[in-house]
Every structure is written in structure tokens, then in C-alpha cells.
Amino acid sequence: MASITIRVEPRHADNTPCKHAVKPSGKPRNPASGCPGRTAYAVVCSEHGDVGRPHHVRQLAEPAAAEHHQEHRAALAAH
């Protein structure tokens, strides 16, 4: 069975991944980078893709990621 990864991914307002360096405010550190700024965090599963709706604070997304991970563990235990 393949390994499943679940991560919290920063996103732009248009829901595209944000891989730019940003300030704590979410604004880009380098204004010339073309980054519109980080506005949300999505829980992304390697098997299911985006899980639920994006969260505006990383600390709210992390428990959602842990909960989804537990769902996978429960499904494995049931087999």
C-alpha cells in the first residue's frame, strides 16, 4: 500500500499554492515576486486532494489535517 501524506498548504486568494516568502501579515516579502499574498491554508491529502474548505489561520488547519489522518488510520484498522 502506498504511503498517504497529508499536509497544510498555504494558498493565494484564487486558491493556488503559495510558495513565496511572506511576512506574518501574509504579504510577500519581495513585492517584485508577483505573489498576491497568502490568504488561507488548505489541508491537502495525497489520496483525496483538498480536504474541506481552506482555513484562514494555519492553527485551525492543523487540527483538520490531524483529523483527516485519523480517518485514514480508522479505515486501515477496519480492513
N, C-alpha and C. Protein backbone atom coordinates (compact mmCIF):
# COMPACT_ATOMS: atom_id res chain seq x y z
N MET A 1 0.85 -1.18 0.00
CA MET A 1 0.00 0.00 0.00
C MET A 1 0.88 1.24 0.00
N ALA A 2 0.54 2.20 -0.80
CA ALA A 2 1.30 3.44 -0.90
C ALA A 2 1.11 4.29 0.35
N SER A 3 2.12 5.04 0.67
CA SER A 3 2.05 5.95 1.82
C SER A 3 1.16 7.14 1.47
N ILE A 4 0.38 7.55 2.44
CA ILE A 4 -0.51 8.70 2.26
C ILE A 4 0.08 9.88 3.02
N THR A 5 0.16 11.02 2.36
CA THR A 5 0.65 12.22 3.04
C THR A 5 -0.47 13.24 3.13
N ILE A 6 -0.49 13.92 4.27
CA ILE A 6 -1.48 14.97 4.50
C ILE A 6 -0.70 16.18 4.96
N ARG A 7 -0.88 17.29 4.27
CA ARG A 7 -0.12 18.49 4.61
C ARG A 7 -1.03 19.72 4.63
N VAL A 8 -0.54 20.75 5.28
CA VAL A 8 -1.22 22.04 5.29
C VAL A 8 -0.47 22.92 4.29
N GLU A 9 -1.18 23.41 3.28
CA GLU A 9 -0.56 24.15 2.18
C GLU A 9 -1.07 25.59 2.16
N PRO A 10 -0.15 26.57 2.17
CA PRO A 10 -0.57 27.97 2.06
C PRO A 10 -1.15 28.25 0.67
N ARG A 11 -2.16 29.12 0.62
CA ARG A 11 -2.83 29.42 -0.65
C ARG A 11 -3.00 30.92 -0.86
N HIS A 12 -3.06 31.30 -2.15
CA HIS A 12 -3.40 32.66 -2.55
C HIS A 12 -4.93 32.79 -2.52
N ALA A 13 -5.44 33.98 -2.74
CA ALA A 13 -6.89 34.22 -2.75
C ALA A 13 -7.60 33.42 -3.85
N ASP A 14 -6.90 33.14 -4.96
CA ASP A 14 -7.51 32.36 -6.05
C ASP A 14 -7.35 30.85 -5.84
N ASN A 15 -6.92 30.45 -4.65
CA ASN A 15 -6.76 29.06 -4.22
C ASN A 15 -5.57 28.35 -4.86
N THR A 16 -4.64 29.08 -5.47
CA THR A 16 -3.43 28.46 -5.99
C THR A 16 -2.40 28.38 -4.86
N PRO A 17 -1.51 27.38 -4.89
CA PRO A 17 -0.50 27.24 -3.83
C PRO A 17 0.42 28.46 -3.77
N CYS A 18 0.77 28.87 -2.57
CA CYS A 18 1.70 29.99 -2.35
C CYS A 18 3.01 29.44 -1.83
N LYS A 19 4.04 29.52 -2.63
CA LYS A 19 5.35 29.02 -2.23
C LYS A 19 6.35 30.16 -2.03
N HIS A 20 5.83 31.37 -1.95
CA HIS A 20 6.68 32.56 -1.81
C HIS A 20 6.96 32.85 -0.34
N ALA A 21 8.06 33.52 -0.09
CA ALA A 21 8.35 34.00 1.27
C ALA A 21 7.40 35.15 1.56
N VAL A 22 6.72 35.06 2.71
CA VAL A 22 5.77 36.11 3.08
C VAL A 22 6.03 36.59 4.50
N LYS A 23 5.53 37.77 4.78
CA LYS A 23 5.60 38.35 6.13
C LYS A 23 4.50 37.70 6.98
N PRO A 24 4.55 37.86 8.30
CA PRO A 24 3.48 37.32 9.14
C PRO A 24 2.09 37.82 8.75
N SER A 25 2.03 38.98 8.11
CA SER A 25 0.74 39.53 7.67
C SER A 25 0.19 38.79 6.45
N GLY A 26 1.03 37.97 5.79
CA GLY A 26 0.61 37.27 4.57
C GLY A 26 1.02 37.98 3.30
N LYS A 27 1.55 39.20 3.44
CA LYS A 27 2.01 39.95 2.27
C LYS A 27 3.40 39.45 1.87
N PRO A 28 3.72 39.49 0.57
CA PRO A 28 5.01 38.98 0.11
C PRO A 28 6.19 39.79 0.66
N ARG A 29 7.27 39.09 1.00
CA ARG A 29 8.49 39.77 1.46
C ARG A 29 9.13 40.54 0.32
N ASN A 30 9.03 39.98 -0.89
CA ASN A 30 9.58 40.64 -2.06
C ASN A 30 8.42 41.09 -2.95
N PRO A 31 8.10 42.38 -2.95
CA PRO A 31 6.97 42.86 -3.76
C PRO A 31 7.11 42.56 -5.25
N ALA A 32 8.33 42.35 -5.73
CA ALA A 32 8.54 42.07 -7.15
C ALA A 32 8.34 40.58 -7.48
N SER A 33 8.00 39.76 -6.50
CA SER A 33 7.87 38.31 -6.73
C SER A 33 6.62 37.95 -7.53
N GLY A 34 5.67 38.86 -7.60
CA GLY A 34 4.42 38.55 -8.30
C GLY A 34 3.41 37.84 -7.42
N CYS A 35 3.75 37.63 -6.16
CA CYS A 35 2.85 36.96 -5.23
C CYS A 35 1.78 37.95 -4.75
N PRO A 36 0.50 37.58 -4.88
CA PRO A 36 -0.55 38.48 -4.41
C PRO A 36 -0.73 38.45 -2.88
N GLY A 37 -0.06 37.49 -2.24
CA GLY A 37 -0.17 37.36 -0.78
C GLY A 37 -0.88 36.08 -0.40
N ARG A 38 -0.57 35.60 0.77
CA ARG A 38 -1.14 34.37 1.30
C ARG A 38 -2.42 34.73 2.05
N THR A 39 -3.52 34.04 1.73
CA THR A 39 -4.79 34.38 2.38
C THR A 39 -5.41 33.22 3.14
N ALA A 40 -4.96 31.99 2.88
CA ALA A 40 -5.60 30.83 3.51
C ALA A 40 -4.65 29.65 3.54
N TYR A 41 -5.07 28.60 4.25
CA TYR A 41 -4.31 27.35 4.34
C TYR A 41 -5.27 26.21 4.05
N ALA A 42 -4.87 25.35 3.12
CA ALA A 42 -5.70 24.21 2.75
C ALA A 42 -5.08 22.92 3.27
N VAL A 43 -5.93 21.97 3.68
CA VAL A 43 -5.48 20.63 4.04
C VAL A 43 -5.50 19.83 2.75
N VAL A 44 -4.35 19.24 2.39
CA VAL A 44 -4.23 18.51 1.12
C VAL A 44 -3.79 17.08 1.41
N CYS A 45 -4.56 16.13 0.92
CA CYS A 45 -4.28 14.71 1.09
C CYS A 45 -3.78 14.14 -0.24
N SER A 46 -2.75 13.29 -0.19
CA SER A 46 -2.22 12.72 -1.43
C SER A 46 -3.22 11.79 -2.11
N GLU A 47 -4.19 11.30 -1.36
CA GLU A 47 -5.20 10.41 -1.94
C GLU A 47 -6.48 11.14 -2.33
N HIS A 48 -6.90 12.14 -1.55
CA HIS A 48 -8.18 12.81 -1.78
C HIS A 48 -8.06 14.24 -2.32
N GLY A 49 -6.87 14.79 -2.39
CA GLY A 49 -6.72 16.19 -2.82
C GLY A 49 -7.11 17.12 -1.69
N ASP A 50 -7.71 18.25 -2.00
CA ASP A 50 -8.12 19.22 -0.98
C ASP A 50 -9.19 18.60 -0.08
N VAL A 51 -9.02 18.79 1.23
CA VAL A 51 -9.96 18.24 2.21
C VAL A 51 -10.68 19.40 2.87
N GLY A 52 -11.97 19.49 2.70
CA GLY A 52 -12.74 20.56 3.31
C GLY A 52 -12.44 21.91 2.67
N ARG A 53 -12.85 22.95 3.38
CA ARG A 53 -12.63 24.32 2.89
C ARG A 53 -11.33 24.86 3.44
N PRO A 54 -10.70 25.81 2.75
CA PRO A 54 -9.48 26.43 3.28
C PRO A 54 -9.75 27.16 4.60
N HIS A 55 -8.74 27.20 5.44
CA HIS A 55 -8.81 27.89 6.73
C HIS A 55 -8.01 29.18 6.64
N HIS A 56 -8.44 30.21 7.30
CA HIS A 56 -7.74 31.49 7.23
C HIS A 56 -6.57 31.58 8.20
N VAL A 57 -6.48 30.61 9.11
CA VAL A 57 -5.39 30.59 10.08
C VAL A 57 -4.79 29.19 10.09
N ARG A 58 -3.47 29.10 10.01
CA ARG A 58 -2.80 27.79 9.97
C ARG A 58 -3.15 26.94 11.20
N GLN A 59 -3.26 27.59 12.35
CA GLN A 59 -3.55 26.84 13.58
C GLN A 59 -4.92 26.16 13.53
N LEU A 60 -5.82 26.62 12.68
CA LEU A 60 -7.11 25.94 12.51
C LEU A 60 -7.02 24.82 11.48
N ALA A 61 -6.09 24.93 10.55
CA ALA A 61 -5.94 23.91 9.52
C ALA A 61 -5.23 22.67 10.07
N GLU A 62 -4.31 22.84 11.00
CA GLU A 62 -3.54 21.71 11.52
C GLU A 62 -4.42 20.66 12.20
N PRO A 63 -5.39 21.04 13.06
CA PRO A 63 -6.27 20.01 13.63
C PRO A 63 -7.11 19.30 12.56
N ALA A 64 -7.51 20.02 11.52
CA ALA A 64 -8.27 19.39 10.44
C ALA A 64 -7.42 18.36 9.71
N ALA A 65 -6.12 18.65 9.55
CA ALA A 65 -5.21 17.69 8.92
C ALA A 65 -5.06 16.46 9.81
N ALA A 66 -4.90 16.67 11.11
CA ALA A 66 -4.77 15.54 12.04
C ALA A 66 -6.04 14.69 12.04
N GLU A 67 -7.20 15.33 11.99
CA GLU A 67 -8.47 14.61 11.96
C GLU A 67 -8.58 13.75 10.70
N HIS A 68 -8.18 14.30 9.56
CA HIS A 68 -8.23 13.54 8.31
C HIS A 68 -7.27 12.36 8.39
N HIS A 69 -6.11 12.57 8.99
CA HIS A 69 -5.14 11.48 9.15
C HIS A 69 -5.75 10.37 10.00
N GLN A 70 -6.46 10.73 11.06
CA GLN A 70 -7.11 9.73 11.91
C GLN A 70 -8.18 8.95 11.13
N GLU A 71 -8.87 9.61 10.21
CA GLU A 71 -9.86 8.93 9.38
C GLU A 71 -9.20 7.84 8.55
N HIS A 72 -8.01 8.13 8.01
CA HIS A 72 -7.28 7.12 7.24
C HIS A 72 -6.86 5.97 8.15
N ARG A 73 -6.39 6.28 9.35
CA ARG A 73 -5.98 5.22 10.29
C ARG A 73 -7.16 4.33 10.66
N ALA A 74 -8.31 4.94 10.89
CA ALA A 74 -9.50 4.17 11.24
C ALA A 74 -9.93 3.27 10.08
N ALA A 75 -9.83 3.78 8.86
CA ALA A 75 -10.19 2.99 7.69
C ALA A 75 -9.25 1.80 7.53
N LEU A 76 -7.96 2.00 7.81
CA LEU A 76 -7.00 0.89 7.73
C LEU A 76 -7.28 -0.16 8.80
N ALA A 77 -7.63 0.30 10.00
CA ALA A 77 -7.91 -0.62 11.09
C ALA A 77 -9.17 -1.44 10.82
N ALA A 78 -10.10 -0.88 10.07
CA ALA A 78 -11.35 -1.58 9.76
C ALA A 78 -11.15 -2.70 8.75
N HIS A 79 -10.05 -2.66 8.01
CA HIS A 79 -9.80 -3.69 6.99
C HIS A 79 -9.13 -4.85 7.59
